[in-house]
Amino acid sequence: MKKRGNNNKKNNNSTNASNLTLGQRAADVVTSFCGSWTFIISLFIFMFIWILMNVYLIFFRTWDPYPFILLNFVLSCLAAVQAPIILMSQNRQAEKDRIKAEYDYKVNRKAEREIKQMISKLDYLRGKIKK
């Protein structure tokens, strides 16, 4: 799609992929992985193996006996770290959506003005034809 207007104008949009900081790019990568089925299935497999090993080895020496306090701690830390990272990525996505909605609104307003101009020109020509 070809842009109209001033092509020399730079996009200073902070949500542009080339303007992202290392932390913002990392948040996007973590969010895309943590929101995938791969992560969810991997986490369930990890928890299943952890619990199975601790239940099976209960007669020998377990590192995390029931009620699996260490596993609860690991999962709590995972949630505590993931939550702000996901929120950062969601906030940036919301900013992108807001900018896109604003751009769409401006395009729609311009299209509306152009349509009104065309209608007035058509009315003018219709008036000339009738005379």
C-alpha atoms as a PDB file:
ATOM      1  CA  MET A   1       0.000   0.000   0.000  1.00  0.00           C
ATOM      2  CA  LYS A   2       1.522   3.284  -1.108  1.00  0.00           C
ATOM      3  CA  LYS A   3       1.559   6.120   1.384  1.00  0.00           C
ATOM      4  CA  ARG A   4       0.335   9.536   0.413  1.00  0.00           C
ATOM      5  CA  GLY A   5       1.614  12.846   1.602  1.00  0.00           C
ATOM      6  CA  ASN A   6       4.982  13.671   3.064  1.00  0.00           C
ATOM      7  CA  ASN A   7       7.185  10.610   2.693  1.00  0.00           C
ATOM      8  CA  ASN A   8      10.078  12.351   4.438  1.00  0.00           C
ATOM      9  CA  LYS A   9       8.214  12.316   7.721  1.00  0.00           C
ATOM     10  CA  LYS A  10       9.725   9.791  10.149  1.00  0.00           C
ATOM     11  CA  ASN A  11       7.571   7.580  12.318  1.00  0.00           C
ATOM     12  CA  ASN A  12       8.571   8.420  15.882  1.00  0.00           C
ATOM     13  CA  ASN A  13       6.191   5.815  17.220  1.00  0.00           C
ATOM     14  CA  SER A  14       7.648   4.217  20.352  1.00  0.00           C
ATOM     15  CA  THR A  15       5.918   0.944  19.521  1.00  0.00           C
ATOM     16  CA  ASN A  16       7.796   0.561  16.232  1.00  0.00           C
ATOM     17  CA  ALA A  17       9.759  -2.722  16.291  1.00  0.00           C
ATOM     18  CA  SER A  18      13.054  -0.998  15.488  1.00  0.00           C
ATOM     19  CA  ASN A  19      12.642   1.372  18.448  1.00  0.00           C
ATOM     20  CA  LEU A  20      12.111  -1.338  21.076  1.00  0.00           C
ATOM     21  CA  THR A  21      14.526  -1.642  23.966  1.00  0.00           C
ATOM     22  CA  LEU A  22      16.126  -4.920  24.927  1.00  0.00           C
ATOM     23  CA  GLY A  23      13.715  -5.268  27.843  1.00  0.00           C
ATOM     24  CA  GLN A  24      10.681  -4.695  25.607  1.00  0.00           C
ATOM     25  CA  ARG A  25      11.865  -7.257  23.066  1.00  0.00           C
ATOM     26  CA  ALA A  26      12.584  -9.727  25.889  1.00  0.00           C
ATOM     27  CA  ALA A  27       9.097  -9.141  27.320  1.00  0.00           C
ATOM     28  CA  ASP A  28       7.578  -9.924  23.915  1.00  0.00           C
ATOM     29  CA  VAL A  29       9.600 -13.129  23.580  1.00  0.00           C
ATOM     30  CA  VAL A  30       8.764 -14.295  27.111  1.00  0.00           C
ATOM     31  CA  THR A  31       5.087 -13.442  26.637  1.00  0.00           C
ATOM     32  CA  SER A  32       4.846 -15.236  23.312  1.00  0.00           C
ATOM     33  CA  PHE A  33       6.460 -18.359  24.801  1.00  0.00           C
ATOM     34  CA  CYS A  34       4.589 -18.314  28.127  1.00  0.00           C
ATOM     35  CA  GLY A  35       1.294 -17.935  26.316  1.00  0.00           C
ATOM     36  CA  SER A  36       1.864 -20.976  24.151  1.00  0.00           C
ATOM     37  CA  TRP A  37       0.697 -24.541  24.430  1.00  0.00           C
ATOM     38  CA  THR A  38       4.337 -25.616  24.369  1.00  0.00           C
ATOM     39  CA  PHE A  39       4.952 -23.839  27.655  1.00  0.00           C
ATOM     40  CA  ILE A  40       1.760 -25.106  29.289  1.00  0.00           C
ATOM     41  CA  ILE A  41       2.376 -28.722  28.293  1.00  0.00           C
ATOM     42  CA  SER A  42       6.054 -28.472  29.288  1.00  0.00           C
ATOM     43  CA  LEU A  43       5.080 -27.095  32.686  1.00  0.00           C
ATOM     44  CA  PHE A  44       2.598 -29.925  33.278  1.00  0.00           C
ATOM     45  CA  ILE A  45       5.192 -32.506  32.263  1.00  0.00           C
ATOM     46  CA  PHE A  46       7.784 -30.889  34.554  1.00  0.00           C
ATOM     47  CA  MET A  47       5.337 -30.885  37.488  1.00  0.00           C
ATOM     48  CA  PHE A  48       4.276 -34.473  36.814  1.00  0.00           C
ATOM     49  CA  ILE A  49       7.896 -35.676  36.738  1.00  0.00           C
ATOM     50  CA  TRP A  50       8.715 -33.675  39.882  1.00  0.00           C
ATOM     51  CA  ILE A  51       5.778 -35.145  41.803  1.00  0.00           C
ATOM     52  CA  LEU A  52       6.335 -38.662  40.449  1.00  0.00           C
ATOM     53  CA  MET A  53      10.009 -38.650  41.409  1.00  0.00           C
ATOM     54  CA  ASN A  54       9.261 -37.396  44.904  1.00  0.00           C
ATOM     55  CA  VAL A  55       6.447 -39.896  45.465  1.00  0.00           C
ATOM     56  CA  TYR A  56       8.466 -42.784  44.027  1.00  0.00           C
ATOM     57  CA  LEU A  57      11.603 -41.911  45.978  1.00  0.00           C
ATOM     58  CA  ILE A  58       9.724 -41.376  49.258  1.00  0.00           C
ATOM     59  CA  PHE A  59      11.148 -44.639  50.594  1.00  0.00           C
ATOM     60  CA  PHE A  60      14.685 -43.489  49.859  1.00  0.00           C
ATOM     61  CA  ARG A  61      15.608 -39.834  50.078  1.00  0.00           C
ATOM     62  CA  THR A  62      13.374 -37.111  48.642  1.00  0.00           C
ATOM     63  CA  TRP A  63      14.375 -33.516  48.180  1.00  0.00           C
ATOM     64  CA  ASP A  64      10.790 -32.215  48.275  1.00  0.00           C
ATOM     65  CA  PRO A  65       8.446 -34.482  50.231  1.00  0.00           C
ATOM     66  CA  TYR A  66       4.676 -34.077  50.178  1.00  0.00           C
ATOM     67  CA  PRO A  67       3.101 -31.372  50.180  1.00  0.00           C
ATOM     68  CA  PHE A  68       5.847 -30.325  47.722  1.00  0.00           C
ATOM     69  CA  ILE A  69       6.737 -27.002  49.326  1.00  0.00           C
ATOM     70  CA  LEU A  70       9.743 -26.475  47.051  1.00  0.00           C
ATOM     71  CA  LEU A  71       7.582 -27.050  43.964  1.00  0.00           C
ATOM     72  CA  ASN A  72       5.046 -24.526  45.300  1.00  0.00           C
ATOM     73  CA  PHE A  73       7.868 -22.049  45.849  1.00  0.00           C
ATOM     74  CA  VAL A  74       9.207 -22.553  42.307  1.00  0.00           C
ATOM     75  CA  LEU A  75       5.745 -22.095  40.787  1.00  0.00           C
ATOM     76  CA  SER A  76       5.092 -18.986  42.915  1.00  0.00           C
ATOM     77  CA  CYS A  77       8.383 -17.450  41.809  1.00  0.00           C
ATOM     78  CA  LEU A  78       7.569 -18.281  38.188  1.00  0.00           C
ATOM     79  CA  ALA A  79       4.195 -16.548  38.499  1.00  0.00           C
ATOM     80  CA  ALA A  80       5.718 -13.556  40.312  1.00  0.00           C
ATOM     81  CA  VAL A  81       8.263 -13.016  37.541  1.00  0.00           C
ATOM     82  CA  GLN A  82       5.942 -13.750  34.607  1.00  0.00           C
ATOM     83  CA  ALA A  83       3.094 -11.458  35.666  1.00  0.00           C
ATOM     84  CA  PRO A  84       4.907  -8.100  35.329  1.00  0.00           C
ATOM     85  CA  ILE A  85       6.636  -9.191  32.124  1.00  0.00           C
ATOM     86  CA  ILE A  86       3.313 -10.143  30.553  1.00  0.00           C
ATOM     87  CA  LEU A  87       1.758  -6.873  31.741  1.00  0.00           C
ATOM     88  CA  MET A  88       4.584  -4.884  30.123  1.00  0.00           C
ATOM     89  CA  SER A  89       3.976  -6.610  26.819  1.00  0.00           C
ATOM     90  CA  GLN A  90       0.201  -6.151  27.095  1.00  0.00           C
ATOM     91  CA  ASN A  91       0.618  -2.441  27.869  1.00  0.00           C
ATOM     92  CA  ARG A  92       2.737  -1.983  24.750  1.00  0.00           C
ATOM     93  CA  GLN A  93       0.182  -3.901  22.685  1.00  0.00           C
ATOM     94  CA  ALA A  94      -2.581  -1.669  24.059  1.00  0.00           C
ATOM     95  CA  GLU A  95      -0.530   1.384  23.057  1.00  0.00           C
ATOM     96  CA  LYS A  96      -0.114  -0.049  19.545  1.00  0.00           C
ATOM     97  CA  ASP A  97      -3.866  -0.632  19.345  1.00  0.00           C
ATOM     98  CA  ARG A  98      -4.587   2.913  20.535  1.00  0.00           C
ATOM     99  CA  ILE A  99      -2.263   4.406  17.910  1.00  0.00           C
ATOM    100  CA  LYS A 100      -3.809   2.200  15.197  1.00  0.00           C
ATOM    101  CA  ALA A 101      -7.323   3.222  16.243  1.00  0.00           C
ATOM    102  CA  GLU A 102      -6.303   6.884  16.171  1.00  0.00           C
ATOM    103  CA  TYR A 103      -4.816   6.469  12.691  1.00  0.00           C
ATOM    104  CA  ASP A 104      -7.941   4.648  11.485  1.00  0.00           C
ATOM    105  CA  TYR A 105     -10.099   7.462  12.869  1.00  0.00           C
ATOM    106  CA  LYS A 106      -8.045  10.077  10.992  1.00  0.00           C
ATOM    107  CA  VAL A 107      -8.267   8.069   7.761  1.00  0.00           C
ATOM    108  CA  ASN A 108     -12.026   7.697   8.169  1.00  0.00           C
ATOM    109  CA  ARG A 109     -12.444  11.435   8.806  1.00  0.00           C
ATOM    110  CA  LYS A 110     -10.427  12.251   5.679  1.00  0.00           C
ATOM    111  CA  ALA A 111     -12.448   9.775   3.610  1.00  0.00           C
ATOM    112  CA  GLU A 112     -15.646  11.339   4.943  1.00  0.00           C
ATOM    113  CA  ARG A 113     -14.471  14.825   3.919  1.00  0.00           C
ATOM    114  CA  GLU A 114     -13.531  13.600   0.453  1.00  0.00           C
ATOM    115  CA  ILE A 115     -16.892  11.877   0.015  1.00  0.00           C
ATOM    116  CA  LYS A 116     -18.697  15.073   1.057  1.00  0.00           C
ATOM    117  CA  GLN A 117     -16.642  17.032  -1.487  1.00  0.00           C
ATOM    118  CA  MET A 118     -17.478  14.515  -4.211  1.00  0.00           C
ATOM    119  CA  ILE A 119     -21.176  14.655  -3.332  1.00  0.00           C
ATOM    120  CA  SER A 120     -21.165  18.447  -3.472  1.00  0.00           C
ATOM    121  CA  LYS A 121     -19.385  18.346  -6.860  1.00  0.00           C
ATOM    122  CA  LEU A 122     -21.902  15.795  -8.136  1.00  0.00           C
ATOM    123  CA  ASP A 123     -24.770  17.979  -6.899  1.00  0.00           C
ATOM    124  CA  TYR A 124     -23.181  20.947  -8.672  1.00  0.00           C
ATOM    125  CA  LEU A 125     -22.827  18.969 -11.911  1.00  0.00           C
ATOM    126  CA  ARG A 126     -26.366  17.623 -11.576  1.00  0.00           C
ATOM    127  CA  GLY A 127     -27.586  21.212 -11.233  1.00  0.00           C
ATOM    128  CA  LYS A 128     -25.659  22.253 -14.350  1.00  0.00           C
ATOM    129  CA  ILE A 129     -27.097  19.339 -16.348  1.00  0.00           C
ATOM    130  CA  LYS A 130     -30.696  20.167 -15.368  1.00  0.00           C
ATOM    131  CA  LYS A 131     -30.397  23.786 -16.544  1.00  0.00           C
END
